[in-house]
Amino acid sequence: MQFEIPSGGRVSVIPGDGSAMPDRGITVDDTGVRRTLADGTEEAVSWTDLAEVAIRTTPEGPWKEDVFFLLMRAGGGGCAVPAGHPSADDLMARLQSLPNFDNDAFVEAMTTTEDGLFVIWQR
């Protein structure tokens, strides 16, 4: 399934059953974020191309992944990171250091139990 964020971009996040789309690995480093899905497809965004960050929430938790970081490039495309993935801690540290990071929207997203889309940063 794909989700749109306000800038008009799309990323693959979850299949129709609400479970996390299987992946072979997620890397967060000085270059950016890369996620390789089980089928070999790669989603990626560099820090220099990052245009917007949102959090997508679903009511599927706590037994299924219900929070996803959506990192979008200018012009569309990007990378989705499930909040329960081990790389999410490194990702959050980097995101919270971005200028004008919206910590209030972040807290709201992380405490909701409903479907939602929360923009936490825009270039």
Protein backbone atom coordinates (compact mmCIF):
# COMPACT_ATOMS: atom_id res chain seq x y z
CA MET A 1 0.00 0.00 0.00
CA GLN A 2 1.22 3.51 -0.67
CA PHE A 3 0.56 6.61 1.39
CA GLU A 4 0.66 10.20 0.29
CA ILE A 5 1.95 13.04 2.36
CA PRO A 6 0.98 16.69 1.89
CA SER A 7 3.87 17.47 -0.48
CA GLY A 8 2.36 15.03 -2.97
CA GLY A 9 4.98 12.29 -2.71
CA ARG A 10 4.31 8.59 -2.11
CA VAL A 11 6.14 5.76 -0.39
CA SER A 12 5.28 2.10 0.14
CA VAL A 13 4.55 1.52 3.78
CA ILE A 14 2.30 -1.36 4.68
CA PRO A 15 0.37 -4.12 2.96
CA GLY A 16 -3.42 -4.08 3.27
CA ASP A 17 -3.39 -6.15 6.46
CA GLY A 18 -1.56 -3.44 8.43
CA SER A 19 1.60 -5.45 8.99
CA ALA A 20 5.01 -3.96 8.32
CA MET A 21 6.22 -4.56 4.77
CA PRO A 22 9.11 -7.03 5.13
CA ASP A 23 12.55 -5.61 4.52
CA ARG A 24 16.12 -6.85 4.26
CA GLY A 25 17.55 -3.89 6.08
CA ILE A 26 17.38 -0.22 6.91
CA THR A 27 20.47 1.98 7.08
CA VAL A 28 20.64 5.42 8.68
CA ASP A 29 24.01 7.13 8.17
CA ASP A 30 25.67 10.44 7.26
CA THR A 31 24.46 10.08 3.66
CA GLY A 32 20.77 9.49 4.38
CA VAL A 33 18.32 6.63 4.88
CA ARG A 34 18.03 3.48 2.77
CA ARG A 35 15.54 0.63 3.10
CA THR A 36 15.83 -2.54 1.05
CA LEU A 37 12.55 -4.45 0.85
CA ALA A 38 12.38 -8.25 0.79
CA ASP A 39 11.88 -8.20 -3.00
CA GLY A 40 15.10 -6.21 -3.50
CA THR A 41 13.38 -2.88 -4.14
CA GLU A 42 15.23 0.00 -2.51
CA GLU A 43 13.73 3.16 -1.03
CA ALA A 44 16.20 5.91 -0.22
CA VAL A 45 16.52 9.59 0.55
CA SER A 46 19.67 11.60 1.17
CA TRP A 47 19.77 14.25 3.87
CA THR A 48 20.46 16.92 1.24
CA ASP A 49 17.39 15.86 -0.80
CA LEU A 50 15.08 15.50 2.21
CA ALA A 51 12.11 17.85 1.76
CA GLU A 52 9.55 16.63 4.30
CA VAL A 53 9.15 14.19 7.18
CA ALA A 54 5.80 12.88 8.38
CA ILE A 55 4.60 10.19 10.74
CA ARG A 56 1.84 7.87 9.53
CA THR A 57 -0.16 6.18 12.30
CA THR A 58 -2.69 3.36 12.07
CA PRO A 59 -4.99 1.77 14.67
CA GLU A 60 -3.30 -1.65 14.15
CA GLY A 61 -1.08 -1.62 17.27
CA PRO A 62 0.14 -2.90 19.50
CA TRP A 63 0.38 -6.32 17.83
CA LYS A 64 1.21 -4.96 14.38
CA GLU A 65 3.43 -2.08 13.36
CA ASP A 66 1.30 1.07 13.63
CA VAL A 67 3.74 4.00 13.33
CA PHE A 68 5.88 4.79 10.28
CA PHE A 69 8.33 7.61 9.54
CA LEU A 70 7.85 8.87 5.97
CA LEU A 71 10.89 10.66 4.60
CA MET A 72 10.16 12.40 1.31
CA ARG A 73 12.41 13.85 -1.40
CA ALA A 74 11.51 17.02 -3.26
CA GLY A 75 9.54 15.97 -6.32
CA GLY A 76 8.30 12.72 -4.75
CA GLY A 77 9.60 9.39 -3.61
CA GLY A 78 11.48 8.66 -0.47
CA CYS A 79 11.73 6.10 2.28
CA ALA A 80 9.43 4.66 4.96
CA VAL A 81 10.82 3.42 8.28
CA PRO A 82 8.67 1.48 10.76
CA ALA A 83 9.04 3.08 14.21
CA GLY A 84 9.62 -0.34 15.75
CA HIS A 85 12.68 -1.06 13.63
CA PRO A 86 16.03 -0.89 15.48
CA SER A 87 17.23 1.88 13.13
CA ALA A 88 14.41 4.19 14.27
CA ASP A 89 16.41 5.36 17.32
CA ASP A 90 19.26 6.62 15.11
CA LEU A 91 16.74 8.14 12.73
CA MET A 92 14.96 10.02 15.51
CA ALA A 93 18.21 11.46 16.82
CA ARG A 94 18.95 12.87 13.36
CA LEU A 95 15.40 14.12 12.76
CA GLN A 96 15.20 15.95 16.08
CA SER A 97 18.37 17.85 15.18
CA LEU A 98 16.79 19.28 12.01
CA PRO A 99 16.02 23.01 12.18
CA ASN A 100 12.34 23.70 12.93
CA PHE A 101 11.59 20.09 13.86
CA ASP A 102 8.00 20.08 15.20
CA ASN A 103 8.33 18.26 18.50
CA ASP A 104 4.67 18.95 19.39
CA ALA A 105 3.48 17.17 16.22
CA PHE A 106 5.91 14.35 16.99
CA VAL A 107 4.48 13.87 20.50
CA GLU A 108 0.93 14.02 19.16
CA ALA A 109 1.73 11.38 16.52
CA MET A 110 3.42 9.06 18.99
CA THR A 111 0.49 9.19 21.41
CA THR A 112 -2.39 8.72 18.99
CA THR A 113 -4.13 5.37 18.53
CA GLU A 114 -6.01 6.32 15.36
CA ASP A 115 -5.30 6.74 11.66
CA GLY A 116 -3.31 9.90 11.20
CA LEU A 117 -0.66 11.76 9.27
CA PHE A 118 1.52 14.26 11.12
CA VAL A 119 4.05 16.46 9.32
CA ILE A 120 6.95 16.88 11.74
CA TRP A 121 9.41 18.71 9.48
CA GLN A 122 9.49 20.57 6.14
CA ARG A 123 12.37 22.22 4.36
